[in-house]
């Protein structure tokens, strides 16, 4: 990594202490803000708020089977999938211009979970797991960018590996190769 080059990471806004969660709270992660934050530059993203959902809001789940579950409110059963995907396409285009070297997602979030997000059937029973709606779109658009979630980054070896992969992304961009998913 060249001198002065900071790793530039997208991050779920709630992990930085922003009160954007469905219950009006946050999930401030001091490891990310205090330890890692000294060495990286964060680009915060909250898909749910940025696509126009309110704070607070009704909790949501991924509902359905197969590779394309829907994002549904838990009680009123409103399908938010289209709202999220319509917002995600232009936002991913914006993020392509941000020079990101990786992304840290909020674990188990129906929009930002990288993996292990519960998927329910119409009756609310958990039938599987997968990535959140926005995380899935992000990883499809930027398949070469390193991604992790805050829970996995608590493991020292995974954290080291993630940082090394992000540094490699800086080197790749510096050599003129495109990491933007194009």
N, C-alpha and C. Protein backbone atom coordinates (compact mmCIF):
# COMPACT_ATOMS: atom_id res chain seq x y z
N UNK A 1 0.86 -1.17 0.00
CA UNK A 1 0.00 0.00 0.00
C UNK A 1 0.90 1.23 0.00
N UNK A 2 0.61 2.15 -0.87
CA UNK A 2 1.46 3.33 -0.96
C UNK A 2 1.25 4.24 0.24
N UNK A 3 2.28 5.00 0.58
CA UNK A 3 2.19 5.91 1.71
C UNK A 3 1.05 6.89 1.51
N UNK A 4 0.24 7.07 2.53
CA UNK A 4 -0.86 8.02 2.44
C UNK A 4 -2.13 7.44 1.85
N UNK A 5 -2.07 6.24 1.29
CA UNK A 5 -3.27 5.63 0.73
C UNK A 5 -4.09 5.00 1.84
N UNK A 6 -5.28 5.52 2.03
CA UNK A 6 -6.17 4.93 3.03
C UNK A 6 -7.09 3.94 2.35
N UNK A 7 -7.40 2.89 3.07
CA UNK A 7 -8.40 1.94 2.58
C UNK A 7 -9.75 2.62 2.67
N UNK A 8 -10.51 2.57 1.60
CA UNK A 8 -11.82 3.22 1.52
C UNK A 8 -12.88 2.13 1.53
N UNK A 9 -13.69 2.11 2.59
CA UNK A 9 -14.66 1.05 2.77
C UNK A 9 -16.09 1.58 2.84
N UNK A 10 -16.98 0.94 2.10
CA UNK A 10 -18.39 1.13 2.34
C UNK A 10 -18.73 0.44 3.65
N UNK A 11 -19.72 0.94 4.36
CA UNK A 11 -20.10 0.35 5.65
C UNK A 11 -21.56 0.62 5.93
N UNK A 12 -22.21 -0.33 6.56
CA UNK A 12 -23.59 -0.12 7.00
C UNK A 12 -23.58 0.99 8.06
N UNK A 13 -24.35 2.03 7.82
CA UNK A 13 -24.35 3.24 8.65
C UNK A 13 -24.56 2.97 10.13
N UNK A 14 -25.39 2.01 10.46
CA UNK A 14 -25.69 1.74 11.87
C UNK A 14 -24.45 1.31 12.64
N UNK A 15 -23.47 0.73 11.96
CA UNK A 15 -22.24 0.28 12.62
C UNK A 15 -21.36 1.45 13.05
N UNK A 16 -21.63 2.63 12.46
CA UNK A 16 -20.89 3.84 12.84
C UNK A 16 -21.60 4.62 13.93
N UNK A 17 -22.73 4.09 14.41
CA UNK A 17 -23.48 4.76 15.48
C UNK A 17 -24.63 5.61 14.99
N UNK A 18 -24.91 5.59 13.69
CA UNK A 18 -26.04 6.36 13.17
C UNK A 18 -27.33 5.67 13.56
N UNK A 19 -28.29 6.44 14.05
CA UNK A 19 -29.57 5.91 14.52
C UNK A 19 -30.52 5.73 13.34
N UNK A 20 -30.27 4.68 12.58
CA UNK A 20 -31.04 4.41 11.36
C UNK A 20 -31.77 3.08 11.39
N UNK A 21 -31.64 2.34 12.46
CA UNK A 21 -32.26 1.02 12.51
C UNK A 21 -33.78 1.12 12.66
N UNK A 22 -34.43 0.00 12.41
CA UNK A 22 -35.89 -0.04 12.43
C UNK A 22 -36.45 0.45 13.77
N UNK A 23 -35.73 0.24 14.87
CA UNK A 23 -36.22 0.62 16.18
C UNK A 23 -35.71 1.99 16.63
N UNK A 24 -35.08 2.73 15.72
CA UNK A 24 -34.53 4.05 16.03
C UNK A 24 -33.16 4.00 16.66
N UNK A 25 -32.61 2.81 16.79
CA UNK A 25 -31.31 2.65 17.42
C UNK A 25 -30.18 2.55 16.42
N UNK A 26 -29.04 2.14 16.93
CA UNK A 26 -27.84 1.94 16.11
C UNK A 26 -27.17 0.66 16.57
N UNK A 27 -26.11 0.29 15.93
CA UNK A 27 -25.31 -0.87 16.32
C UNK A 27 -23.83 -0.49 16.30
N UNK A 28 -23.52 0.65 16.95
CA UNK A 28 -22.14 1.14 16.99
C UNK A 28 -21.19 0.01 17.32
N UNK A 29 -20.17 -0.15 16.50
CA UNK A 29 -19.17 -1.18 16.70
C UNK A 29 -17.84 -0.48 16.94
N UNK A 30 -17.41 -0.48 18.18
CA UNK A 30 -16.18 0.24 18.55
C UNK A 30 -14.92 -0.33 17.92
N UNK A 31 -14.90 -1.61 17.65
CA UNK A 31 -13.76 -2.19 16.94
C UNK A 31 -13.61 -1.51 15.58
N UNK A 32 -14.73 -1.31 14.91
CA UNK A 32 -14.69 -0.70 13.58
C UNK A 32 -14.42 0.80 13.64
N UNK A 33 -15.01 1.48 14.63
CA UNK A 33 -14.85 2.93 14.68
C UNK A 33 -13.54 3.36 15.31
N UNK A 34 -13.15 2.69 16.40
CA UNK A 34 -11.96 3.14 17.12
C UNK A 34 -10.67 2.49 16.65
N UNK A 35 -10.68 1.19 16.45
CA UNK A 35 -9.44 0.52 16.03
C UNK A 35 -9.23 0.61 14.52
N UNK A 36 -10.17 0.06 13.78
CA UNK A 36 -10.03 0.05 12.32
C UNK A 36 -10.24 1.44 11.72
N UNK A 37 -11.11 2.22 12.36
CA UNK A 37 -11.45 3.55 11.86
C UNK A 37 -10.27 4.50 11.74
N UNK A 38 -9.21 4.25 12.51
CA UNK A 38 -8.01 5.09 12.43
C UNK A 38 -7.27 4.90 11.11
N UNK A 39 -7.51 3.78 10.45
CA UNK A 39 -6.71 3.41 9.28
C UNK A 39 -7.50 3.37 7.99
N UNK A 40 -8.80 3.62 8.08
CA UNK A 40 -9.64 3.53 6.89
C UNK A 40 -10.50 4.78 6.75
N UNK A 41 -11.05 4.97 5.59
CA UNK A 41 -12.04 6.02 5.34
C UNK A 41 -13.35 5.32 5.02
N UNK A 42 -14.40 5.63 5.78
CA UNK A 42 -15.69 4.97 5.60
C UNK A 42 -16.63 5.78 4.71
N UNK A 43 -17.39 5.05 3.91
CA UNK A 43 -18.48 5.60 3.12
C UNK A 43 -19.76 4.94 3.64
N UNK A 44 -20.52 5.64 4.52
CA UNK A 44 -21.69 5.02 5.13
C UNK A 44 -22.85 4.86 4.16
N UNK A 45 -23.56 3.74 4.31
CA UNK A 45 -24.73 3.45 3.48
C UNK A 45 -25.79 2.80 4.38
N UNK A 46 -27.01 3.32 4.32
CA UNK A 46 -28.15 2.65 4.96
C UNK A 46 -29.21 2.47 3.89
N UNK A 47 -29.28 1.29 3.31
CA UNK A 47 -30.24 1.06 2.24
C UNK A 47 -31.68 1.36 2.62
N UNK A 48 -32.09 0.99 3.81
CA UNK A 48 -33.49 1.16 4.19
C UNK A 48 -33.86 2.64 4.30
N UNK A 49 -33.03 3.45 4.96
CA UNK A 49 -33.31 4.87 5.07
C UNK A 49 -33.12 5.57 3.72
N UNK A 50 -32.04 5.22 3.02
CA UNK A 50 -31.76 5.88 1.74
C UNK A 50 -32.83 5.61 0.69
N UNK A 51 -33.53 4.47 0.79
CA UNK A 51 -34.58 4.20 -0.19
C UNK A 51 -35.92 4.80 0.25
N UNK A 52 -35.93 5.51 1.36
CA UNK A 52 -37.11 6.25 1.76
C UNK A 52 -37.91 5.68 2.93
N UNK A 53 -37.40 4.66 3.58
CA UNK A 53 -38.11 4.12 4.74
C UNK A 53 -37.85 5.01 5.95
N UNK A 54 -38.80 5.03 6.88
CA UNK A 54 -38.72 5.91 8.03
C UNK A 54 -37.96 5.26 9.18
N UNK A 55 -37.59 6.09 10.14
CA UNK A 55 -37.02 5.64 11.41
C UNK A 55 -37.91 6.23 12.50
N UNK A 56 -38.51 5.42 13.35
CA UNK A 56 -38.52 3.96 13.32
C UNK A 56 -39.42 3.44 12.19
N UNK A 57 -39.36 2.12 11.98
CA UNK A 57 -40.17 1.48 10.95
C UNK A 57 -40.45 0.05 11.40
N UNK A 58 -41.38 -0.56 10.73
CA UNK A 58 -41.73 -1.93 11.05
C UNK A 58 -40.56 -2.86 10.70
N UNK A 59 -40.26 -3.83 11.55
CA UNK A 59 -39.21 -4.79 11.20
C UNK A 59 -39.57 -5.56 9.92
N UNK A 60 -38.54 -6.04 9.24
CA UNK A 60 -38.74 -6.75 7.97
C UNK A 60 -38.02 -8.08 7.99
N UNK A 61 -38.46 -8.95 7.11
CA UNK A 61 -37.83 -10.25 6.89
C UNK A 61 -37.70 -10.49 5.41
N UNK A 62 -36.81 -11.39 5.05
CA UNK A 62 -36.79 -11.94 3.70
C UNK A 62 -37.80 -13.07 3.68
N UNK A 63 -38.66 -13.07 2.67
CA UNK A 63 -39.73 -14.05 2.58
C UNK A 63 -39.71 -14.69 1.20
N UNK A 64 -39.81 -16.01 1.17
CA UNK A 64 -39.88 -16.72 -0.09
C UNK A 64 -38.90 -17.87 -0.14
N UNK A 65 -38.81 -18.44 -1.31
CA UNK A 65 -37.90 -19.56 -1.51
C UNK A 65 -37.01 -19.25 -2.70
N UNK A 66 -36.02 -20.09 -2.88
CA UNK A 66 -35.14 -19.92 -4.03
C UNK A 66 -34.18 -18.77 -3.83
N UNK A 67 -33.61 -18.31 -4.94
CA UNK A 67 -32.56 -17.30 -4.90
C UNK A 67 -33.04 -15.87 -4.88
N UNK A 68 -34.34 -15.62 -4.86
CA UNK A 68 -34.79 -14.23 -4.88
C UNK A 68 -35.95 -13.99 -3.91
N UNK A 69 -35.65 -14.02 -2.62
CA UNK A 69 -36.72 -13.75 -1.65
C UNK A 69 -37.14 -12.28 -1.70
N UNK A 70 -38.32 -12.01 -1.18
CA UNK A 70 -38.86 -10.65 -1.13
C UNK A 70 -38.59 -10.04 0.25
N UNK A 71 -38.47 -8.72 0.28
CA UNK A 71 -38.27 -7.98 1.52
C UNK A 71 -39.65 -7.52 2.00
N UNK A 72 -40.14 -8.14 3.08
CA UNK A 72 -41.50 -7.91 3.55
C UNK A 72 -41.51 -7.36 4.97
N UNK A 73 -42.44 -6.40 5.22
CA UNK A 73 -42.64 -5.96 6.60
C UNK A 73 -43.27 -7.10 7.37
N UNK A 74 -42.90 -7.21 8.62
CA UNK A 74 -43.26 -8.37 9.41
C UNK A 74 -44.76 -8.45 9.74
N UNK A 75 -45.38 -7.36 10.16
CA UNK A 75 -46.78 -7.39 10.59
C UNK A 75 -47.74 -7.06 9.46
N UNK A 76 -47.53 -5.96 8.77
CA UNK A 76 -48.48 -5.52 7.74
C UNK A 76 -48.29 -6.20 6.40
N UNK A 77 -47.19 -6.96 6.26
CA UNK A 77 -46.91 -7.75 5.05
C UNK A 77 -46.81 -6.89 3.78
N UNK A 78 -46.19 -5.72 3.90
CA UNK A 78 -45.97 -4.86 2.74
C UNK A 78 -44.66 -5.28 2.09
N UNK A 79 -44.70 -5.51 0.78
CA UNK A 79 -43.53 -5.93 0.03
C UNK A 79 -42.69 -4.70 -0.33
N UNK A 80 -41.49 -4.62 0.23
CA UNK A 80 -40.59 -3.48 0.00
C UNK A 80 -39.50 -3.79 -1.02
N UNK A 81 -39.61 -4.94 -1.66
CA UNK A 81 -38.56 -5.39 -2.59
C UNK A 81 -38.35 -4.39 -3.72
N UNK A 82 -39.41 -3.99 -4.36
CA UNK A 82 -39.27 -3.10 -5.51
C UNK A 82 -38.68 -1.76 -5.09
N UNK A 83 -39.13 -1.22 -3.97
CA UNK A 83 -38.58 0.05 -3.48
C UNK A 83 -37.07 -0.07 -3.30
N UNK A 84 -36.64 -1.16 -2.68
CA UNK A 84 -35.21 -1.36 -2.41
C UNK A 84 -34.42 -1.54 -3.70
N UNK A 85 -34.90 -2.37 -4.61
CA UNK A 85 -34.14 -2.64 -5.83
C UNK A 85 -34.12 -1.43 -6.76
N UNK A 86 -35.19 -0.65 -6.80
CA UNK A 86 -35.19 0.57 -7.62
C UNK A 86 -34.19 1.59 -7.10
N UNK A 87 -34.05 1.67 -5.79
CA UNK A 87 -33.07 2.57 -5.20
C UNK A 87 -31.65 2.03 -5.40
N UNK A 88 -31.48 0.71 -5.27
CA UNK A 88 -30.14 0.10 -5.27
C UNK A 88 -29.38 0.33 -6.56
N UNK A 89 -30.03 0.23 -7.69
CA UNK A 89 -29.31 0.35 -8.98
C UNK A 89 -28.57 1.68 -9.10
N UNK A 90 -29.23 2.83 -8.95
CA UNK A 90 -28.46 4.07 -9.04
C UNK A 90 -27.46 4.26 -7.90
N UNK A 91 -27.79 3.75 -6.71
CA UNK A 91 -26.85 3.88 -5.58
C UNK A 91 -25.59 3.06 -5.83
N UNK A 92 -25.73 1.90 -6.43
CA UNK A 92 -24.55 1.10 -6.78
C UNK A 92 -23.71 1.82 -7.83
N UNK A 93 -24.35 2.52 -8.76
CA UNK A 93 -23.61 3.32 -9.73
C UNK A 93 -22.81 4.42 -9.02
N UNK A 94 -23.43 5.07 -8.02
CA UNK A 94 -22.72 6.08 -7.24
C UNK A 94 -21.53 5.46 -6.50
N UNK A 95 -21.76 4.31 -5.89
CA UNK A 95 -20.68 3.65 -5.14
C UNK A 95 -19.54 3.23 -6.06
N UNK A 96 -19.85 2.93 -7.32
CA UNK A 96 -18.79 2.58 -8.28
C UNK A 96 -17.81 3.74 -8.45
N UNK A 97 -18.29 4.96 -8.29
CA UNK A 97 -17.44 6.13 -8.41
C UNK A 97 -16.76 6.54 -7.11
N UNK A 98 -17.01 5.84 -6.03
CA UNK A 98 -16.45 6.18 -4.72
C UNK A 98 -15.06 5.61 -4.48
N UNK A 99 -14.58 4.75 -5.38
CA UNK A 99 -13.25 4.17 -5.20
C UNK A 99 -13.16 3.25 -3.99
N UNK A 100 -14.21 2.47 -3.75
CA UNK A 100 -14.21 1.56 -2.61
C UNK A 100 -13.22 0.42 -2.80
N UNK A 101 -12.64 0.00 -1.67
CA UNK A 101 -11.73 -1.14 -1.67
C UNK A 101 -12.36 -2.35 -0.98
N UNK A 102 -13.57 -2.16 -0.44
CA UNK A 102 -14.30 -3.23 0.22
C UNK A 102 -15.55 -2.69 0.88
N UNK A 103 -16.28 -3.58 1.57
CA UNK A 103 -17.52 -3.18 2.24
C UNK A 103 -17.69 -4.02 3.50
N UNK A 104 -18.14 -3.35 4.58
CA UNK A 104 -18.48 -4.03 5.83
C UNK A 104 -19.99 -3.93 6.01
N UNK A 105 -20.65 -5.08 6.01
CA UNK A 105 -22.10 -5.15 6.13
C UNK A 105 -22.53 -5.44 7.56
N UNK A 106 -23.79 -5.08 7.89
CA UNK A 106 -24.38 -5.41 9.19
C UNK A 106 -24.90 -6.84 9.11
N UNK A 107 -24.37 -7.68 9.95
CA UNK A 107 -24.75 -9.09 9.94
C UNK A 107 -26.24 -9.27 10.16
N UNK A 108 -26.77 -10.25 9.48
CA UNK A 108 -28.16 -10.72 9.62
C UNK A 108 -29.23 -9.71 9.27
N UNK A 109 -28.87 -8.57 8.73
CA UNK A 109 -29.86 -7.56 8.32
C UNK A 109 -30.54 -8.02 7.04
N UNK A 110 -31.87 -7.87 6.93
CA UNK A 110 -32.56 -8.28 5.70
C UNK A 110 -32.16 -7.44 4.48
N UNK A 111 -31.55 -6.30 4.70
CA UNK A 111 -31.04 -5.54 3.56
C UNK A 111 -29.52 -5.66 3.45
N UNK A 112 -28.80 -5.65 4.57
CA UNK A 112 -27.34 -5.58 4.54
C UNK A 112 -26.61 -6.85 4.96
N UNK A 113 -27.29 -7.87 5.36
CA UNK A 113 -26.58 -9.06 5.79
C UNK A 113 -25.82 -9.71 4.64
N UNK A 114 -24.56 -10.03 4.86
CA UNK A 114 -23.72 -10.63 3.82
C UNK A 114 -24.09 -12.10 3.61
N UNK A 115 -24.54 -12.74 4.68
CA UNK A 115 -24.93 -14.15 4.66
C UNK A 115 -25.73 -14.41 5.93
N UNK A 116 -26.25 -15.58 6.08
CA UNK A 116 -26.95 -15.99 7.30
C UNK A 116 -28.15 -15.14 7.68
N UNK A 117 -28.76 -14.46 6.71
CA UNK A 117 -29.98 -13.71 6.98
C UNK A 117 -31.14 -14.69 6.89
N UNK A 118 -31.97 -14.70 7.89
CA UNK A 118 -33.06 -15.66 7.89
C UNK A 118 -34.04 -15.39 6.75
N UNK A 119 -34.49 -16.46 6.13
CA UNK A 119 -35.51 -16.40 5.08
C UNK A 119 -36.70 -17.19 5.61
N UNK A 120 -37.87 -16.56 5.58
CA UNK A 120 -39.08 -17.16 6.13
C UNK A 120 -40.06 -17.53 5.02
N UNK A 121 -40.99 -18.43 5.35
CA UNK A 121 -42.11 -18.68 4.44
C UNK A 121 -43.20 -17.66 4.74
N UNK A 122 -44.28 -17.71 4.02
CA UNK A 122 -45.37 -16.74 4.20
C UNK A 122 -45.94 -16.77 5.61
N UNK A 123 -45.84 -17.88 6.30
CA UNK A 123 -46.35 -18.00 7.66
C UNK A 123 -45.40 -17.49 8.73
N UNK A 124 -44.19 -17.08 8.32
CA UNK A 124 -43.22 -16.55 9.27
C UNK A 124 -42.24 -17.58 9.81
N UNK A 125 -42.35 -18.82 9.35
CA UNK A 125 -41.42 -19.85 9.80
C UNK A 125 -40.10 -19.72 9.04
N UNK A 126 -38.99 -19.84 9.75
CA UNK A 126 -37.67 -19.77 9.11
C UNK A 126 -37.45 -21.04 8.29
N UNK A 127 -37.14 -20.85 7.00
CA UNK A 127 -36.95 -22.00 6.11
C UNK A 127 -35.55 -22.05 5.50
N UNK A 128 -34.73 -21.05 5.79
CA UNK A 128 -33.38 -21.03 5.24
C UNK A 128 -32.68 -19.73 5.57
N UNK A 129 -31.60 -19.49 4.86
CA UNK A 129 -30.86 -18.25 5.06
C UNK A 129 -30.15 -17.87 3.76
N UNK A 130 -29.72 -16.64 3.71
CA UNK A 130 -29.01 -16.14 2.53
C UNK A 130 -28.56 -14.71 2.78
N UNK A 131 -28.14 -14.01 1.74
CA UNK A 131 -27.72 -12.61 1.91
C UNK A 131 -28.92 -11.67 1.91
N UNK A 132 -28.75 -10.51 2.52
CA UNK A 132 -29.76 -9.46 2.47
C UNK A 132 -29.89 -8.91 1.06
N UNK A 133 -30.97 -8.22 0.81
CA UNK A 133 -31.29 -7.76 -0.54
C UNK A 133 -30.23 -6.82 -1.12
N UNK A 134 -29.84 -5.77 -0.37
CA UNK A 134 -28.82 -4.85 -0.88
C UNK A 134 -27.46 -5.51 -0.95
N UNK A 135 -27.09 -6.27 0.07
CA UNK A 135 -25.79 -6.95 0.07
C UNK A 135 -25.66 -7.87 -1.14
N UNK A 136 -26.73 -8.56 -1.46
CA UNK A 136 -26.72 -9.45 -2.62
C UNK A 136 -26.48 -8.67 -3.90
N UNK A 137 -27.17 -7.55 -4.06
CA UNK A 137 -26.98 -6.70 -5.25
C UNK A 137 -25.55 -6.14 -5.29
N UNK A 138 -25.03 -5.72 -4.14
CA UNK A 138 -23.68 -5.18 -4.08
C UNK A 138 -22.67 -6.23 -4.51
N UNK A 139 -22.77 -7.42 -3.94
CA UNK A 139 -21.79 -8.48 -4.24
C UNK A 139 -21.89 -8.94 -5.69
N UNK A 140 -23.08 -8.88 -6.26
CA UNK A 140 -23.23 -9.22 -7.68
C UNK A 140 -22.58 -8.16 -8.55
N UNK A 141 -22.75 -6.89 -8.20
CA UNK A 141 -22.19 -5.78 -8.99
C UNK A 141 -20.68 -5.68 -8.85
N UNK A 142 -20.16 -5.97 -7.64
CA UNK A 142 -18.72 -5.82 -7.36
C UNK A 142 -18.14 -7.15 -6.90
N UNK A 143 -18.10 -8.15 -7.76
CA UNK A 143 -17.69 -9.49 -7.32
C UNK A 143 -16.24 -9.59 -6.86
N UNK A 144 -15.39 -8.66 -7.24
CA UNK A 144 -13.98 -8.73 -6.85
C UNK A 144 -13.65 -7.94 -5.59
N UNK A 145 -14.60 -7.15 -5.09
CA UNK A 145 -14.33 -6.38 -3.88
C UNK A 145 -14.51 -7.25 -2.64
N UNK A 146 -13.58 -7.15 -1.69
CA UNK A 146 -13.72 -7.89 -0.44
C UNK A 146 -14.93 -7.38 0.36
N UNK A 147 -15.68 -8.29 0.94
CA UNK A 147 -16.80 -7.94 1.82
C UNK A 147 -16.72 -8.80 3.07
N UNK A 148 -17.17 -8.22 4.17
CA UNK A 148 -17.27 -8.92 5.44
C UNK A 148 -18.40 -8.30 6.23
N UNK A 149 -18.75 -8.94 7.36
CA UNK A 149 -19.69 -8.32 8.28
C UNK A 149 -18.99 -8.11 9.62
N UNK A 150 -19.59 -7.29 10.46
CA UNK A 150 -18.94 -6.91 11.72
C UNK A 150 -18.72 -8.10 12.64
N UNK A 151 -19.60 -9.09 12.60
CA UNK A 151 -19.40 -10.26 13.46
C UNK A 151 -18.17 -11.06 13.05
N UNK A 152 -18.02 -11.28 11.75
CA UNK A 152 -16.86 -12.04 11.26
C UNK A 152 -15.56 -11.27 11.51
N UNK A 153 -15.62 -9.94 11.47
CA UNK A 153 -14.40 -9.14 11.67
C UNK A 153 -13.91 -9.16 13.11
N UNK A 154 -14.67 -9.71 14.03
CA UNK A 154 -14.19 -9.88 15.40
C UNK A 154 -13.11 -10.96 15.49
N UNK A 155 -13.08 -11.83 14.49
CA UNK A 155 -12.06 -12.89 14.44
C UNK A 155 -10.77 -12.28 13.88
N UNK A 156 -9.69 -12.26 14.67
CA UNK A 156 -8.45 -11.60 14.23
C UNK A 156 -7.94 -12.07 12.86
N UNK A 157 -7.99 -13.36 12.61
CA UNK A 157 -7.47 -13.87 11.33
C UNK A 157 -8.34 -13.41 10.15
N UNK A 158 -9.64 -13.43 10.32
CA UNK A 158 -10.54 -12.94 9.25
C UNK A 158 -10.35 -11.45 9.03
N UNK A 159 -10.16 -10.69 10.12
CA UNK A 159 -9.94 -9.25 10.00
C UNK A 159 -8.65 -8.97 9.24
N UNK A 160 -7.58 -9.69 9.59
CA UNK A 160 -6.29 -9.52 8.88
C UNK A 160 -6.44 -9.83 7.40
N UNK A 161 -7.11 -10.92 7.10
CA UNK A 161 -7.33 -11.33 5.72
C UNK A 161 -8.13 -10.28 4.95
N UNK A 162 -9.17 -9.76 5.58
CA UNK A 162 -9.99 -8.73 4.93
C UNK A 162 -9.17 -7.49 4.60
N UNK A 163 -8.37 -7.03 5.57
CA UNK A 163 -7.54 -5.84 5.34
C UNK A 163 -6.53 -6.09 4.23
N UNK A 164 -5.93 -7.27 4.20
CA UNK A 164 -4.98 -7.59 3.13
C UNK A 164 -5.67 -7.61 1.76
N UNK A 165 -6.87 -8.16 1.71
CA UNK A 165 -7.61 -8.17 0.44
C UNK A 165 -7.98 -6.75 0.02
N UNK A 166 -8.28 -5.88 0.99
CA UNK A 166 -8.58 -4.48 0.66
C UNK A 166 -7.33 -3.76 0.16
N UNK A 167 -6.19 -4.04 0.78
CA UNK A 167 -4.93 -3.46 0.31
C UNK A 167 -4.62 -3.92 -1.11
N UNK A 168 -4.91 -5.17 -1.39
CA UNK A 168 -4.72 -5.69 -2.75
C UNK A 168 -5.64 -4.97 -3.73
N UNK A 169 -6.83 -4.61 -3.28
CA UNK A 169 -7.75 -3.86 -4.15
C UNK A 169 -7.17 -2.49 -4.48
N UNK A 170 -6.51 -1.85 -3.50
CA UNK A 170 -5.84 -0.57 -3.76
C UNK A 170 -4.77 -0.75 -4.82
N UNK A 171 -3.95 -1.80 -4.67
CA UNK A 171 -2.88 -2.07 -5.63
C UNK A 171 -3.45 -2.36 -7.02
N UNK A 172 -4.55 -3.11 -7.08
CA UNK A 172 -5.18 -3.43 -8.37
C UNK A 172 -5.66 -2.17 -9.06
N UNK A 173 -6.31 -1.28 -8.30
CA UNK A 173 -6.80 -0.02 -8.87
C UNK A 173 -5.63 0.83 -9.32
N UNK A 174 -4.55 0.84 -8.52
CA UNK A 174 -3.36 1.61 -8.86
C UNK A 174 -2.70 1.14 -10.15
N UNK A 175 -2.91 -0.13 -10.51
CA UNK A 175 -2.34 -0.68 -11.73
C UNK A 175 -3.29 -0.50 -12.92
N UNK A 176 -4.37 0.23 -12.70
CA UNK A 176 -5.29 0.52 -13.80
C UNK A 176 -6.36 -0.53 -14.03
N UNK A 177 -6.44 -1.54 -13.17
CA UNK A 177 -7.51 -2.54 -13.34
C UNK A 177 -8.76 -2.06 -12.65
N UNK A 178 -9.89 -2.44 -13.20
CA UNK A 178 -11.18 -1.98 -12.75
C UNK A 178 -11.76 -2.91 -11.68
N UNK A 179 -12.03 -2.39 -10.50
CA UNK A 179 -12.65 -3.14 -9.42
C UNK A 179 -14.12 -2.77 -9.27
N UNK A 180 -14.69 -2.08 -10.26
CA UNK A 180 -16.04 -1.55 -10.12
C UNK A 180 -17.11 -2.50 -10.64
N UNK A 181 -16.76 -3.70 -11.01
CA UNK A 181 -17.75 -4.64 -11.47
C UNK A 181 -18.14 -4.43 -12.91
N UNK A 182 -17.26 -3.84 -13.68
CA UNK A 182 -17.54 -3.63 -15.11
C UNK A 182 -16.49 -4.30 -15.95
